[in-house]
Every structure is written in structure tokens, then in C-alpha cells.
Amino acid sequence: MNAEFLVTSLIVVASPGTGALVTLAAGLSHGTRASLLAALGCTLGIIPHVLVAVTGLAAVLHASAVAFDAIKYGGAAYLLYMAWLTARDDGALRIETDVRALAARDIVANAVLVNLLNPKLSIFFLAFLPQFVAPAEQHVTVAMMELSAAFMAVTFVVFAFYGVFAARVRDRILTRPGLLKWLRCGFAAAFVAMSAKLALVRP
């Protein structure tokens, strides 16, 4: 595996984004198990974008303003919904004393949707993966799938680290309701900012 690819992937994944926020929120509100499930969901949400890019459909998405905008605005609206849920006292960032309270499928499904409704990921993979495929490579599709699998592994590890760290500090937050209020406002504002950023993206 190309070391340059792994380092670049680490930098890209570690940069603050919606997936990191979702995983952090899951760790803070529901504990370690939820954070790992959220990391898994964010990772699974990459698969459709990888398949779209590898099969060349990202070029079609890039050329079709209607298709791109439909997904883009759907994603922006979902991030606003996440902001609303996060800002509520009984919303997504509520601290649960019973860390098993939220069903695994709900955590994973929410995390998958966050990445799934982001069309720029398909464009990103279309531009990113070919840079690390050797010109003489005879099995380009296989090579790109291998790189994608490595990228997803990096994504899971980094997001799991974020989430587990958040889960470790949740007990301190339980005793500081004022801090939790500020965290809700901060996370909600971040989701709104990312929604606006996504809405302004051009193919």
C-alpha cells in the first residue's frame, strides 16, 4: 500500500467534518458502544460514493446539475435537521444514563445518511483515487477498490478514536449541565455551518 496514500487519507479523514461531529456526539451522549457504531455507520456511508466513483458515475453526477443539486440540498436539509435535534434538550446530544437506550440500527442509519447525502464525496473519490493508481496498472478497478478499502479503514479508526475519547469524558459532562448546554449550541452551530457549506458546493 502506498504510504503517501495512507498519510493523505489520514489528513483528509482527521480534518473536522460532519462524520467526526456525528461520532463525537454519539460518544458524548450514548457512550463507547454508540461511538463505535457511529464510526461504523460513517464508514459504511462511504461505500456508495466509492462505487459511484469507481464505475465512473461520478462524472455523470458532476455533469448533471439537477442530480447533483438534488442530493446536495437533501444533504444540507438533513444537516439542518441534525442541528435542530442537537440543540434540543431532549435531542441527539442528550446524555443518556442508560448507554443502551438507543438502538444500534438507529445510530448506524443516522451516520450512514450523513455521508450518503453528500455528493461531493463521489467527486472527491473520482479525483482522489486515480492519483494513486500506477499508470501501468492493468487492473485499475481492483486497485481503486483496494485503495478505497484502505481509506475506509482509516476512516473507521480515526472516527472511532474521536468517539471513544468523547465517551471517556462524558461522565465529567454529566456533572456540568452548563457545559452540556454550550456543547449543544456548538454542535448545532457546526451542523448549520456545514449545511451552508454543502449548499454552496458546486459540482
Protein backbone atom coordinates (compact mmCIF):
# COMPACT_ATOMS: atom_id res chain seq x y z
CA MET A 1 0.00 0.00 0.00
CA ASN A 2 1.29 3.45 -0.96
CA ALA A 3 2.49 5.24 2.20
CA GLU A 4 1.71 8.60 0.63
CA PHE A 5 -1.88 7.49 0.10
CA LEU A 6 -2.24 6.44 3.74
CA VAL A 7 -0.80 9.71 5.04
CA THR A 8 -3.02 11.74 2.71
CA SER A 9 -6.06 9.70 3.74
CA LEU A 10 -5.26 10.27 7.41
CA ILE A 11 -5.05 14.03 6.88
CA VAL A 12 -8.33 14.09 4.94
CA VAL A 13 -10.21 11.94 7.45
CA ALA A 14 -8.83 13.67 10.55
CA SER A 15 -9.95 17.07 9.28
CA PRO A 16 -13.13 18.23 11.08
CA GLY A 17 -16.28 17.25 9.22
CA THR A 18 -19.81 16.01 9.64
CA GLY A 19 -18.75 12.41 10.22
CA ALA A 20 -16.43 13.42 13.06
CA LEU A 21 -19.20 15.53 14.62
CA VAL A 22 -21.71 12.70 14.45
CA THR A 23 -19.26 10.28 16.05
CA LEU A 24 -18.30 12.74 18.78
CA ALA A 25 -21.96 13.42 19.53
CA ALA A 26 -22.69 9.69 19.75
CA GLY A 27 -19.79 9.17 22.17
CA LEU A 28 -20.79 12.10 24.36
CA SER A 29 -24.46 11.25 24.52
CA HIS A 30 -24.55 7.44 24.47
CA GLY A 31 -21.07 6.13 25.32
CA THR A 32 -18.37 3.99 23.72
CA ARG A 33 -20.65 1.44 22.04
CA ALA A 34 -22.64 4.17 20.30
CA SER A 35 -19.48 5.96 19.18
CA LEU A 36 -18.14 2.80 17.55
CA LEU A 37 -21.49 2.20 15.84
CA ALA A 38 -21.49 5.79 14.57
CA ALA A 39 -17.94 5.35 13.26
CA LEU A 40 -19.08 2.19 11.50
CA GLY A 41 -22.09 3.97 10.01
CA CYS A 42 -19.97 6.85 8.71
CA THR A 43 -17.60 4.32 7.15
CA LEU A 44 -20.42 2.36 5.51
CA GLY A 45 -21.80 5.63 4.15
CA ILE A 46 -18.66 5.95 2.03
CA ILE A 47 -19.33 2.73 0.09
CA PRO A 48 -21.93 4.13 -2.33
CA HIS A 49 -19.64 7.05 -3.17
CA VAL A 50 -16.74 4.69 -3.82
CA LEU A 51 -18.88 2.55 -6.12
CA VAL A 52 -20.14 5.62 -7.95
CA ALA A 53 -16.60 6.93 -8.45
CA VAL A 54 -15.07 3.59 -9.45
CA THR A 55 -17.77 2.91 -12.02
CA GLY A 56 -17.37 6.40 -13.46
CA LEU A 57 -20.84 7.55 -12.48
CA ALA A 58 -19.35 10.47 -10.55
CA ALA A 59 -18.55 12.05 -13.90
CA VAL A 60 -22.25 11.88 -14.75
CA LEU A 61 -23.14 13.36 -11.38
CA HIS A 62 -20.60 16.08 -11.97
CA ALA A 63 -22.13 16.88 -15.37
CA SER A 64 -25.76 16.78 -14.20
CA ALA A 65 -26.51 19.88 -12.18
CA VAL A 66 -30.03 18.66 -11.39
CA ALA A 67 -28.90 15.33 -9.91
CA PHE A 68 -26.05 16.93 -8.00
CA ASP A 69 -28.25 19.68 -6.57
CA ALA A 70 -30.99 17.23 -5.57
CA ILE A 71 -28.57 15.22 -3.44
CA LYS A 72 -26.74 18.31 -2.22
CA TYR A 73 -29.82 20.11 -0.95
CA GLY A 74 -31.14 16.90 0.56
CA GLY A 75 -27.88 16.59 2.49
CA ALA A 76 -27.97 20.25 3.55
CA ALA A 77 -31.54 19.84 4.80
CA TYR A 78 -30.58 16.71 6.75
CA LEU A 79 -27.70 18.58 8.43
CA LEU A 80 -30.13 21.32 9.46
CA TYR A 81 -32.35 18.60 10.91
CA MET A 82 -29.33 17.29 12.81
CA ALA A 83 -28.67 20.82 14.11
CA TRP A 84 -32.27 21.06 15.36
CA LEU A 85 -32.07 17.67 17.07
CA THR A 86 -28.74 18.55 18.67
CA ALA A 87 -29.92 21.92 20.02
CA ARG A 88 -32.92 20.40 21.83
CA ASP A 89 -32.54 19.45 25.50
CA ASP A 90 -34.01 16.03 24.69
CA GLY A 91 -32.33 15.79 21.29
CA ALA A 92 -29.35 14.00 19.77
CA LEU A 93 -26.82 15.33 22.29
CA ARG A 94 -28.74 14.44 25.44
CA ILE A 95 -26.61 12.46 27.87
CA GLU A 96 -28.14 9.02 28.43
CA THR A 97 -27.52 7.27 31.75
CA ASP A 98 -28.51 4.03 30.03
CA VAL A 99 -25.98 3.79 27.18
CA ARG A 100 -28.02 1.00 25.59
CA ALA A 101 -31.08 3.21 25.22
CA LEU A 102 -30.60 3.96 21.52
CA ALA A 103 -30.97 1.09 19.06
CA ALA A 104 -27.83 0.15 17.13
CA ARG A 105 -29.64 0.35 13.80
CA ASP A 106 -30.72 3.94 14.52
CA ILE A 107 -27.18 5.05 15.30
CA VAL A 108 -25.74 3.36 12.22
CA ALA A 109 -28.55 4.53 9.92
CA ASN A 110 -28.16 8.15 11.01
CA ALA A 111 -24.38 8.05 10.47
CA VAL A 112 -24.78 6.39 7.05
CA LEU A 113 -27.22 9.10 5.94
CA VAL A 114 -24.83 11.89 6.89
CA ASN A 115 -22.20 10.64 4.44
CA LEU A 116 -24.63 9.23 1.88
CA LEU A 117 -26.28 12.63 1.33
CA ASN A 118 -23.02 14.34 0.48
CA PRO A 119 -22.47 14.27 -3.31
CA LYS A 120 -19.08 15.93 -3.09
CA LEU A 121 -17.71 12.65 -1.69
CA SER A 122 -18.29 10.98 -5.06
CA ILE A 123 -16.47 13.82 -6.82
CA PHE A 124 -13.71 13.62 -4.21
CA PHE A 125 -13.11 9.93 -4.81
CA LEU A 126 -13.20 10.39 -8.57
CA ALA A 127 -10.43 12.98 -8.29
CA PHE A 128 -8.56 11.39 -5.38
CA LEU A 129 -8.22 7.69 -6.16
CA PRO A 130 -6.73 7.83 -9.70
CA GLN A 131 -3.79 9.87 -8.40
CA PHE A 132 -2.52 6.80 -6.55
CA VAL A 133 -3.04 4.22 -9.28
CA ALA A 134 0.13 3.42 -11.22
CA PRO A 135 -0.07 4.30 -14.94
CA ALA A 136 0.97 0.74 -15.81
CA GLU A 137 -1.66 -0.84 -13.57
CA GLN A 138 -3.60 -3.46 -15.55
CA HIS A 139 -6.43 -3.88 -13.06
CA VAL A 140 -7.43 -0.30 -12.36
CA THR A 141 -10.80 -1.11 -10.84
CA VAL A 142 -9.29 -3.61 -8.42
CA ALA A 143 -6.56 -1.15 -7.46
CA MET A 144 -9.10 1.60 -6.80
CA MET A 145 -11.23 -0.73 -4.68
CA GLU A 146 -8.18 -1.68 -2.63
CA LEU A 147 -7.34 1.98 -2.07
CA SER A 148 -10.97 2.65 -1.13
CA ALA A 149 -10.91 -0.17 1.41
CA ALA A 150 -7.78 1.31 2.96
CA PHE A 151 -9.41 4.76 3.08
CA MET A 152 -12.46 3.29 4.80
CA ALA A 153 -10.26 1.51 7.34
CA VAL A 154 -8.52 4.80 8.15
CA THR A 155 -11.93 6.47 8.44
CA PHE A 156 -13.20 3.92 10.93
CA VAL A 157 -10.06 4.04 13.09
CA VAL A 158 -9.93 7.85 13.24
CA PHE A 159 -13.65 8.29 13.89
CA ALA A 160 -13.61 5.51 16.50
CA PHE A 161 -10.76 7.33 18.25
CA TYR A 162 -12.78 10.55 18.28
CA GLY A 163 -15.86 8.79 19.56
CA VAL A 164 -14.13 6.77 22.28
CA PHE A 165 -12.37 9.91 23.51
CA ALA A 166 -15.74 11.68 23.72
CA ALA A 167 -17.21 8.71 25.59
CA ARG A 168 -14.37 8.87 28.12
CA VAL A 169 -15.19 12.45 29.09
CA ARG A 170 -18.99 12.04 29.17
CA ASP A 171 -19.04 11.38 32.93
CA ARG A 172 -17.48 14.78 33.59
CA ILE A 173 -20.10 16.42 31.41
CA LEU A 174 -22.90 14.68 33.33
CA THR A 175 -21.95 16.75 36.39
CA ARG A 176 -21.72 20.04 34.44
CA PRO A 177 -25.07 20.87 32.81
CA GLY A 178 -23.83 24.33 31.83
CA LEU A 179 -21.04 22.81 29.74
CA LEU A 180 -23.52 20.46 28.08
CA LYS A 181 -25.66 23.45 27.07
CA TRP A 182 -22.66 25.09 25.41
CA LEU A 183 -21.77 21.83 23.69
CA ARG A 184 -25.29 21.56 22.28
CA CYS A 185 -25.07 25.09 20.93
CA GLY A 186 -21.60 24.47 19.49
CA PHE A 187 -22.52 21.23 17.76
CA ALA A 188 -25.77 22.70 16.42
CA ALA A 189 -23.89 25.72 15.05
CA ALA A 190 -21.32 23.42 13.44
CA PHE A 191 -24.05 21.41 11.70
CA VAL A 192 -25.65 24.63 10.43
CA ALA A 193 -22.28 25.85 9.13
CA MET A 194 -21.64 22.55 7.35
CA SER A 195 -25.14 22.62 5.88
CA ALA A 196 -24.48 26.08 4.45
CA LYS A 197 -21.08 24.97 3.14
CA LEU A 198 -22.61 21.94 1.44
CA ALA A 199 -25.42 24.04 -0.07
CA LEU A 200 -22.83 26.30 -1.69
CA VAL A 201 -20.80 23.45 -3.19
CA ARG A 202 -20.66 23.36 -6.98
CA PRO A 203 -20.01 20.19 -9.00
